[in-house]
Amino acid sequence: MACCKGDAEVANALLAASADASIKNLDGDTALFVTCKQGHVEVAKALLAAGADVNAKNSVCAGSRQFIG
């Protein structure tokens, strides 16, 4: 939810509490994918710093790299 809303403070708190930076939803979208798709730069930086997999693909083979310029 923090990724969808772009709430960097909540995202950082969750990551500090050992949340999985590469977790996927039912469609296979990672938190990083959702964050990048929504344009939430600060949350994306936090996820990357926590080790999110920038190369992960969802169920239709889309990945975060398509949003990173």
N, C-alpha and C. Protein backbone atom coordinates (compact mmCIF):
# COMPACT_ATOMS: atom_id res chain seq x y z
N MET A 1 0.82 -1.19 0.00
CA MET A 1 0.00 0.00 0.00
C MET A 1 0.87 1.25 0.00
N ALA A 2 1.96 1.26 0.76
CA ALA A 2 2.85 2.41 0.80
C ALA A 2 3.42 2.70 -0.59
N CYS A 3 3.64 1.64 -1.37
CA CYS A 3 4.19 1.82 -2.71
C CYS A 3 3.16 2.46 -3.64
N CYS A 4 1.92 2.03 -3.54
CA CYS A 4 0.85 2.58 -4.39
C CYS A 4 0.60 4.05 -4.10
N LYS A 5 0.69 4.42 -2.83
CA LYS A 5 0.40 5.79 -2.42
C LYS A 5 1.63 6.69 -2.42
N GLY A 6 2.82 6.10 -2.60
CA GLY A 6 4.03 6.90 -2.63
C GLY A 6 4.45 7.39 -1.26
N ASP A 7 4.10 6.66 -0.22
CA ASP A 7 4.42 7.07 1.14
C ASP A 7 5.80 6.57 1.54
N ALA A 8 6.81 7.40 1.31
CA ALA A 8 8.20 7.02 1.56
C ALA A 8 8.45 6.77 3.04
N GLU A 9 7.80 7.52 3.91
CA GLU A 9 8.00 7.34 5.35
C GLU A 9 7.53 5.95 5.79
N VAL A 10 6.36 5.55 5.35
CA VAL A 10 5.84 4.23 5.69
C VAL A 10 6.68 3.15 5.03
N ALA A 11 7.03 3.34 3.78
CA ALA A 11 7.85 2.35 3.07
C ALA A 11 9.19 2.14 3.79
N ASN A 12 9.83 3.22 4.19
CA ASN A 12 11.11 3.11 4.91
C ASN A 12 10.92 2.40 6.24
N ALA A 13 9.84 2.67 6.95
CA ALA A 13 9.58 2.00 8.22
C ALA A 13 9.37 0.51 8.01
N LEU A 14 8.63 0.14 6.98
CA LEU A 14 8.40 -1.27 6.69
C LEU A 14 9.70 -1.97 6.30
N LEU A 15 10.49 -1.32 5.49
CA LEU A 15 11.77 -1.90 5.08
C LEU A 15 12.72 -2.04 6.28
N ALA A 16 12.70 -1.07 7.17
CA ALA A 16 13.53 -1.14 8.38
C ALA A 16 13.08 -2.29 9.29
N ALA A 17 11.82 -2.66 9.18
CA ALA A 17 11.27 -3.77 9.98
C ALA A 17 11.37 -5.10 9.22
N SER A 18 12.23 -5.13 8.21
CA SER A 18 12.54 -6.34 7.43
C SER A 18 11.46 -6.76 6.43
N ALA A 19 10.67 -5.81 5.94
CA ALA A 19 9.72 -6.14 4.88
C ALA A 19 10.50 -6.57 3.63
N ASP A 20 9.93 -7.47 2.86
CA ASP A 20 10.56 -7.98 1.64
C ASP A 20 10.49 -6.93 0.54
N ALA A 21 11.63 -6.41 0.12
CA ALA A 21 11.68 -5.36 -0.89
C ALA A 21 11.29 -5.87 -2.28
N SER A 22 11.27 -7.17 -2.48
CA SER A 22 10.94 -7.74 -3.79
C SER A 22 9.64 -8.53 -3.78
N ILE A 23 8.78 -8.25 -2.79
CA ILE A 23 7.50 -8.97 -2.69
C ILE A 23 6.65 -8.70 -3.94
N LYS A 24 5.84 -9.70 -4.31
CA LYS A 24 4.98 -9.57 -5.49
C LYS A 24 3.51 -9.69 -5.08
N ASN A 25 2.64 -9.02 -5.86
CA ASN A 25 1.20 -9.16 -5.64
C ASN A 25 0.67 -10.34 -6.46
N LEU A 26 -0.63 -10.54 -6.50
CA LEU A 26 -1.21 -11.69 -7.20
C LEU A 26 -0.95 -11.68 -8.71
N ASP A 27 -0.70 -10.50 -9.28
CA ASP A 27 -0.39 -10.39 -10.71
C ASP A 27 1.10 -10.56 -10.98
N GLY A 28 1.88 -10.72 -9.92
CA GLY A 28 3.32 -10.86 -10.07
C GLY A 28 4.05 -9.54 -10.12
N ASP A 29 3.33 -8.44 -9.90
CA ASP A 29 3.97 -7.12 -9.89
C ASP A 29 4.75 -6.96 -8.58
N THR A 30 5.99 -6.54 -8.68
CA THR A 30 6.77 -6.28 -7.48
C THR A 30 6.42 -4.91 -6.93
N ALA A 31 6.81 -4.69 -5.69
CA ALA A 31 6.61 -3.37 -5.08
C ALA A 31 7.33 -2.31 -5.91
N LEU A 32 8.50 -2.65 -6.41
CA LEU A 32 9.26 -1.70 -7.23
C LEU A 32 8.52 -1.39 -8.53
N PHE A 33 7.94 -2.39 -9.16
CA PHE A 33 7.19 -2.19 -10.40
C PHE A 33 6.03 -1.22 -10.17
N VAL A 34 5.25 -1.48 -9.12
CA VAL A 34 4.10 -0.63 -8.81
C VAL A 34 4.56 0.79 -8.50
N THR A 35 5.62 0.91 -7.73
CA THR A 35 6.15 2.22 -7.36
C THR A 35 6.61 3.00 -8.58
N CYS A 36 7.36 2.34 -9.44
CA CYS A 36 7.86 3.02 -10.65
C CYS A 36 6.71 3.39 -11.58
N LYS A 37 5.75 2.49 -11.71
CA LYS A 37 4.58 2.76 -12.58
C LYS A 37 3.83 4.00 -12.10
N GLN A 38 3.77 4.20 -10.79
CA GLN A 38 3.07 5.35 -10.21
C GLN A 38 3.95 6.60 -10.16
N GLY A 39 5.25 6.44 -10.42
CA GLY A 39 6.16 7.59 -10.43
C GLY A 39 6.62 8.05 -9.06
N HIS A 40 6.63 7.16 -8.09
CA HIS A 40 7.03 7.51 -6.73
C HIS A 40 8.53 7.30 -6.55
N VAL A 41 9.30 8.30 -6.89
CA VAL A 41 10.76 8.21 -6.94
C VAL A 41 11.38 7.90 -5.58
N GLU A 42 10.95 8.55 -4.53
CA GLU A 42 11.56 8.34 -3.21
C GLU A 42 11.32 6.92 -2.70
N VAL A 43 10.15 6.38 -2.95
CA VAL A 43 9.86 5.01 -2.53
C VAL A 43 10.70 4.05 -3.38
N ALA A 44 10.82 4.31 -4.66
CA ALA A 44 11.65 3.47 -5.54
C ALA A 44 13.10 3.45 -5.05
N LYS A 45 13.62 4.60 -4.67
CA LYS A 45 15.00 4.67 -4.15
C LYS A 45 15.13 3.83 -2.88
N ALA A 46 14.14 3.89 -2.01
CA ALA A 46 14.18 3.12 -0.77
C ALA A 46 14.15 1.62 -1.07
N LEU A 47 13.31 1.21 -2.00
CA LEU A 47 13.23 -0.20 -2.36
C LEU A 47 14.54 -0.69 -2.97
N LEU A 48 15.12 0.11 -3.84
CA LEU A 48 16.40 -0.27 -4.44
C LEU A 48 17.50 -0.36 -3.40
N ALA A 49 17.53 0.58 -2.47
CA ALA A 49 18.53 0.55 -1.40
C ALA A 49 18.36 -0.68 -0.52
N ALA A 50 17.12 -1.19 -0.43
CA ALA A 50 16.84 -2.36 0.39
C ALA A 50 17.03 -3.67 -0.40
N GLY A 51 17.46 -3.56 -1.65
CA GLY A 51 17.76 -4.75 -2.43
C GLY A 51 16.67 -5.25 -3.35
N ALA A 52 15.70 -4.41 -3.68
CA ALA A 52 14.64 -4.82 -4.61
C ALA A 52 15.25 -5.25 -5.94
N ASP A 53 14.68 -6.28 -6.54
CA ASP A 53 15.18 -6.83 -7.80
C ASP A 53 14.65 -6.02 -8.97
N VAL A 54 15.50 -5.21 -9.55
CA VAL A 54 15.10 -4.35 -10.67
C VAL A 54 14.82 -5.17 -11.93
N ASN A 55 15.29 -6.40 -11.99
CA ASN A 55 15.10 -7.25 -13.17
C ASN A 55 13.92 -8.21 -13.06
N ALA A 56 13.19 -8.18 -11.95
CA ALA A 56 12.04 -9.08 -11.77
C ALA A 56 10.95 -8.75 -12.79
N LYS A 57 10.27 -9.77 -13.25
CA LYS A 57 9.18 -9.62 -14.23
C LYS A 57 7.86 -10.06 -13.59
N ASN A 58 6.76 -9.48 -14.08
CA ASN A 58 5.44 -9.89 -13.59
C ASN A 58 4.89 -11.00 -14.47
N SER A 59 3.62 -11.32 -14.31
CA SER A 59 3.02 -12.45 -15.02
C SER A 59 2.92 -12.24 -16.53
N VAL A 60 3.06 -11.02 -17.01
CA VAL A 60 3.05 -10.76 -18.46
C VAL A 60 4.42 -10.28 -18.94
N CYS A 61 5.44 -10.58 -18.17
CA CYS A 61 6.84 -10.30 -18.49
C CYS A 61 7.18 -8.82 -18.55
N ALA A 62 6.43 -7.99 -17.86
CA ALA A 62 6.79 -6.58 -17.74
C ALA A 62 7.65 -6.42 -16.48
N GLY A 63 8.55 -5.48 -16.53
CA GLY A 63 9.43 -5.27 -15.38
C GLY A 63 9.64 -3.79 -15.08
N SER A 64 10.30 -3.52 -13.98
CA SER A 64 10.52 -2.15 -13.52
C SER A 64 11.41 -1.35 -14.46
N ARG A 65 12.32 -2.02 -15.14
CA ARG A 65 13.28 -1.30 -16.00
C ARG A 65 12.59 -0.44 -17.06
N GLN A 66 11.40 -0.81 -17.48
CA GLN A 66 10.71 -0.02 -18.51
C GLN A 66 10.34 1.37 -18.03
N PHE A 67 10.33 1.56 -16.70
CA PHE A 67 9.98 2.87 -16.13
C PHE A 67 11.21 3.67 -15.72
N ILE A 68 12.37 3.04 -15.74
CA ILE A 68 13.60 3.69 -15.28
C ILE A 68 14.34 4.22 -16.49
N GLY A 69 14.51 5.53 -16.54
CA GLY A 69 15.10 6.16 -17.71
C GLY A 69 16.51 6.37 -17.61
